[in-house]
Amino acid sequence: MNPQAKLISATSLLLGTSITISSNHWMMAWIGLEINTLAVLPLISKSHHPRAIEASTKYFLTQAAASTLLLFSSMTNAWFSGQWDITQLTHPMSCMLLTTAISIKLGLDPFH
């Protein structure tokens, strides 16, 4: 891989992680997670083998579904509580959806 591409990937991973950790708002957390997803995709498909392309496609689709679930969770929480802050997760349904979305994004046991 090109050294500039490695530098951009590493910078994107650090930027996405720092945005996600320091965010107070659901949209900023989502943006950070999406930057991380887009930074990992070239690393997965680095070798031009059909299995690598298939793996990156599956990874992208799974992460897109988890991102959609995360946004739906934040919208549900805002609908029931009127708050868009991450710290104000009060409704049980939105809490369950958020836990599921983050479990899918992390690749925890039933979602791997």
C-alpha atoms as a PDB file:
ATOM      1  CA  MET A   1       0.000   0.000   0.000  1.00  0.00           C
ATOM      2  CA  ASN A   2       1.158   3.502  -0.787  1.00  0.00           C
ATOM      3  CA  PRO A   3       2.719   5.336   2.218  1.00  0.00           C
ATOM      4  CA  GLN A   4       0.414   8.318   1.684  1.00  0.00           C
ATOM      5  CA  ALA A   5      -2.607   6.012   1.695  1.00  0.00           C
ATOM      6  CA  LYS A   6      -1.428   4.439   4.961  1.00  0.00           C
ATOM      7  CA  LEU A   7      -1.010   7.886   6.479  1.00  0.00           C
ATOM      8  CA  ILE A   8      -4.485   8.967   5.367  1.00  0.00           C
ATOM      9  CA  SER A   9      -6.027   5.750   6.711  1.00  0.00           C
ATOM     10  CA  ALA A  10      -4.297   6.098  10.077  1.00  0.00           C
ATOM     11  CA  THR A  11      -5.238   9.767  10.316  1.00  0.00           C
ATOM     12  CA  SER A  12      -8.848   8.970   9.440  1.00  0.00           C
ATOM     13  CA  LEU A  13      -8.990   6.254  12.093  1.00  0.00           C
ATOM     14  CA  LEU A  14      -7.629   8.617  14.736  1.00  0.00           C
ATOM     15  CA  LEU A  15      -9.926  11.442  13.627  1.00  0.00           C
ATOM     16  CA  GLY A  16     -13.037   9.258  13.631  1.00  0.00           C
ATOM     17  CA  THR A  17     -12.249   7.801  17.029  1.00  0.00           C
ATOM     18  CA  SER A  18     -11.571  11.200  18.580  1.00  0.00           C
ATOM     19  CA  ILE A  19     -14.773  12.666  17.115  1.00  0.00           C
ATOM     20  CA  THR A  20     -16.816   9.742  18.448  1.00  0.00           C
ATOM     21  CA  ILE A  21     -15.309   9.892  21.925  1.00  0.00           C
ATOM     22  CA  SER A  22     -15.630  13.662  22.316  1.00  0.00           C
ATOM     23  CA  SER A  23     -19.145  14.077  20.942  1.00  0.00           C
ATOM     24  CA  ASN A  24     -22.188  15.210  22.928  1.00  0.00           C
ATOM     25  CA  HIS A  25     -24.627  14.917  20.063  1.00  0.00           C
ATOM     26  CA  TRP A  26     -25.855  11.814  18.257  1.00  0.00           C
ATOM     27  CA  MET A  27     -24.993  13.141  14.826  1.00  0.00           C
ATOM     28  CA  MET A  28     -21.366  13.803  15.726  1.00  0.00           C
ATOM     29  CA  ALA A  29     -21.027  10.309  17.212  1.00  0.00           C
ATOM     30  CA  TRP A  30     -22.510   8.863  14.031  1.00  0.00           C
ATOM     31  CA  ILE A  31     -20.142  10.912  11.858  1.00  0.00           C
ATOM     32  CA  GLY A  32     -17.152   9.639  13.811  1.00  0.00           C
ATOM     33  CA  LEU A  33     -18.303   6.040  13.462  1.00  0.00           C
ATOM     34  CA  GLU A  34     -18.807   6.484   9.727  1.00  0.00           C
ATOM     35  CA  ILE A  35     -15.321   7.961   9.310  1.00  0.00           C
ATOM     36  CA  ASN A  36     -13.956   4.873  11.052  1.00  0.00           C
ATOM     37  CA  THR A  37     -15.975   2.587   8.787  1.00  0.00           C
ATOM     38  CA  LEU A  38     -14.751   4.325   5.650  1.00  0.00           C
ATOM     39  CA  ALA A  39     -11.148   4.255   6.911  1.00  0.00           C
ATOM     40  CA  VAL A  40     -11.204   0.492   7.520  1.00  0.00           C
ATOM     41  CA  LEU A  41     -12.695  -0.455   4.130  1.00  0.00           C
ATOM     42  CA  PRO A  42      -9.490   0.129   2.092  1.00  0.00           C
ATOM     43  CA  LEU A  43      -7.523  -1.878   4.640  1.00  0.00           C
ATOM     44  CA  ILE A  44      -9.863  -4.852   4.225  1.00  0.00           C
ATOM     45  CA  SER A  45      -9.814  -4.750   0.435  1.00  0.00           C
ATOM     46  CA  LYS A  46      -6.064  -4.069   0.169  1.00  0.00           C
ATOM     47  CA  SER A  47      -5.331  -7.318  -1.638  1.00  0.00           C
ATOM     48  CA  HIS A  48      -7.227  -7.507  -4.891  1.00  0.00           C
ATOM     49  CA  HIS A  49      -8.600 -10.956  -4.230  1.00  0.00           C
ATOM     50  CA  PRO A  50     -12.308 -11.712  -4.759  1.00  0.00           C
ATOM     51  CA  ARG A  51     -12.652 -12.817  -1.124  1.00  0.00           C
ATOM     52  CA  ALA A  52     -11.217  -9.510   0.097  1.00  0.00           C
ATOM     53  CA  ILE A  53     -13.694  -7.581  -2.031  1.00  0.00           C
ATOM     54  CA  GLU A  54     -16.528  -9.795  -0.776  1.00  0.00           C
ATOM     55  CA  ALA A  55     -15.428  -9.282   2.833  1.00  0.00           C
ATOM     56  CA  SER A  56     -15.297  -5.508   2.429  1.00  0.00           C
ATOM     57  CA  THR A  57     -18.745  -5.488   0.837  1.00  0.00           C
ATOM     58  CA  LYS A  58     -20.197  -7.557   3.681  1.00  0.00           C
ATOM     59  CA  TYR A  59     -18.460  -5.329   6.236  1.00  0.00           C
ATOM     60  CA  PHE A  60     -19.851  -2.194   4.583  1.00  0.00           C
ATOM     61  CA  LEU A  61     -23.420  -3.531   4.441  1.00  0.00           C
ATOM     62  CA  THR A  62     -23.331  -4.685   8.066  1.00  0.00           C
ATOM     63  CA  GLN A  63     -21.931  -1.364   9.248  1.00  0.00           C
ATOM     64  CA  ALA A  64     -24.503   0.563   7.191  1.00  0.00           C
ATOM     65  CA  ALA A  65     -27.330  -1.428   8.806  1.00  0.00           C
ATOM     66  CA  ALA A  66     -25.863  -0.749  12.261  1.00  0.00           C
ATOM     67  CA  SER A  67     -25.554   2.960  11.472  1.00  0.00           C
ATOM     68  CA  THR A  68     -29.163   3.062  10.367  1.00  0.00           C
ATOM     69  CA  LEU A  69     -30.189   1.385  13.600  1.00  0.00           C
ATOM     70  CA  LEU A  70     -28.124   3.883  15.595  1.00  0.00           C
ATOM     71  CA  LEU A  71     -29.775   6.840  13.866  1.00  0.00           C
ATOM     72  CA  PHE A  72     -33.199   5.274  14.383  1.00  0.00           C
ATOM     73  CA  SER A  73     -32.390   4.843  18.074  1.00  0.00           C
ATOM     74  CA  SER A  74     -31.411   8.488  18.433  1.00  0.00           C
ATOM     75  CA  MET A  75     -34.516   9.597  16.560  1.00  0.00           C
ATOM     76  CA  THR A  76     -36.716   7.418  18.783  1.00  0.00           C
ATOM     77  CA  ASN A  77     -35.082   8.855  21.888  1.00  0.00           C
ATOM     78  CA  ALA A  78     -35.593  12.402  20.611  1.00  0.00           C
ATOM     79  CA  TRP A  79     -39.202  11.628  19.805  1.00  0.00           C
ATOM     80  CA  PHE A  80     -40.000  10.300  23.276  1.00  0.00           C
ATOM     81  CA  SER A  81     -37.846  12.618  25.408  1.00  0.00           C
ATOM     82  CA  GLY A  82     -37.267  15.689  23.234  1.00  0.00           C
ATOM     83  CA  GLN A  83     -33.482  15.477  23.834  1.00  0.00           C
ATOM     84  CA  TRP A  84     -30.777  14.862  21.233  1.00  0.00           C
ATOM     85  CA  ASP A  85     -27.978  14.543  23.803  1.00  0.00           C
ATOM     86  CA  ILE A  86     -26.203  11.242  24.268  1.00  0.00           C
ATOM     87  CA  THR A  87     -26.407  11.545  28.037  1.00  0.00           C
ATOM     88  CA  GLN A  88     -30.217  11.754  28.013  1.00  0.00           C
ATOM     89  CA  LEU A  89     -30.960   8.198  26.865  1.00  0.00           C
ATOM     90  CA  THR A  90     -34.100   7.577  28.919  1.00  0.00           C
ATOM     91  CA  HIS A  91     -36.546   5.518  26.872  1.00  0.00           C
ATOM     92  CA  PRO A  92     -36.056   1.717  27.142  1.00  0.00           C
ATOM     93  CA  MET A  93     -36.757   1.042  23.469  1.00  0.00           C
ATOM     94  CA  SER A  94     -34.147   3.524  22.253  1.00  0.00           C
ATOM     95  CA  CYS A  95     -31.674   2.172  24.819  1.00  0.00           C
ATOM     96  CA  MET A  96     -32.213  -1.369  23.510  1.00  0.00           C
ATOM     97  CA  LEU A  97     -31.827  -0.230  19.893  1.00  0.00           C
ATOM     98  CA  LEU A  98     -28.647   1.663  20.723  1.00  0.00           C
ATOM     99  CA  THR A  99     -27.180  -1.341  22.527  1.00  0.00           C
ATOM    100  CA  THR A 100     -27.983  -3.539  19.525  1.00  0.00           C
ATOM    101  CA  ALA A 101     -26.481  -1.043  17.058  1.00  0.00           C
ATOM    102  CA  ILE A 102     -23.262  -0.683  19.010  1.00  0.00           C
ATOM    103  CA  SER A 103     -23.047  -4.460  19.445  1.00  0.00           C
ATOM    104  CA  ILE A 104     -23.299  -4.883  15.680  1.00  0.00           C
ATOM    105  CA  LYS A 105     -20.686  -2.177  15.096  1.00  0.00           C
ATOM    106  CA  LEU A 106     -18.313  -3.819  17.552  1.00  0.00           C
ATOM    107  CA  GLY A 107     -19.009  -7.310  16.217  1.00  0.00           C
ATOM    108  CA  LEU A 108     -19.988  -8.752  19.579  1.00  0.00           C
ATOM    109  CA  ASP A 109     -20.885 -12.402  19.918  1.00  0.00           C
ATOM    110  CA  PRO A 110     -24.386 -12.841  18.498  1.00  0.00           C
ATOM    111  CA  PHE A 111     -23.764 -10.221  15.807  1.00  0.00           C
ATOM    112  CA  HIS A 112     -20.349 -11.292  14.511  1.00  0.00           C
END
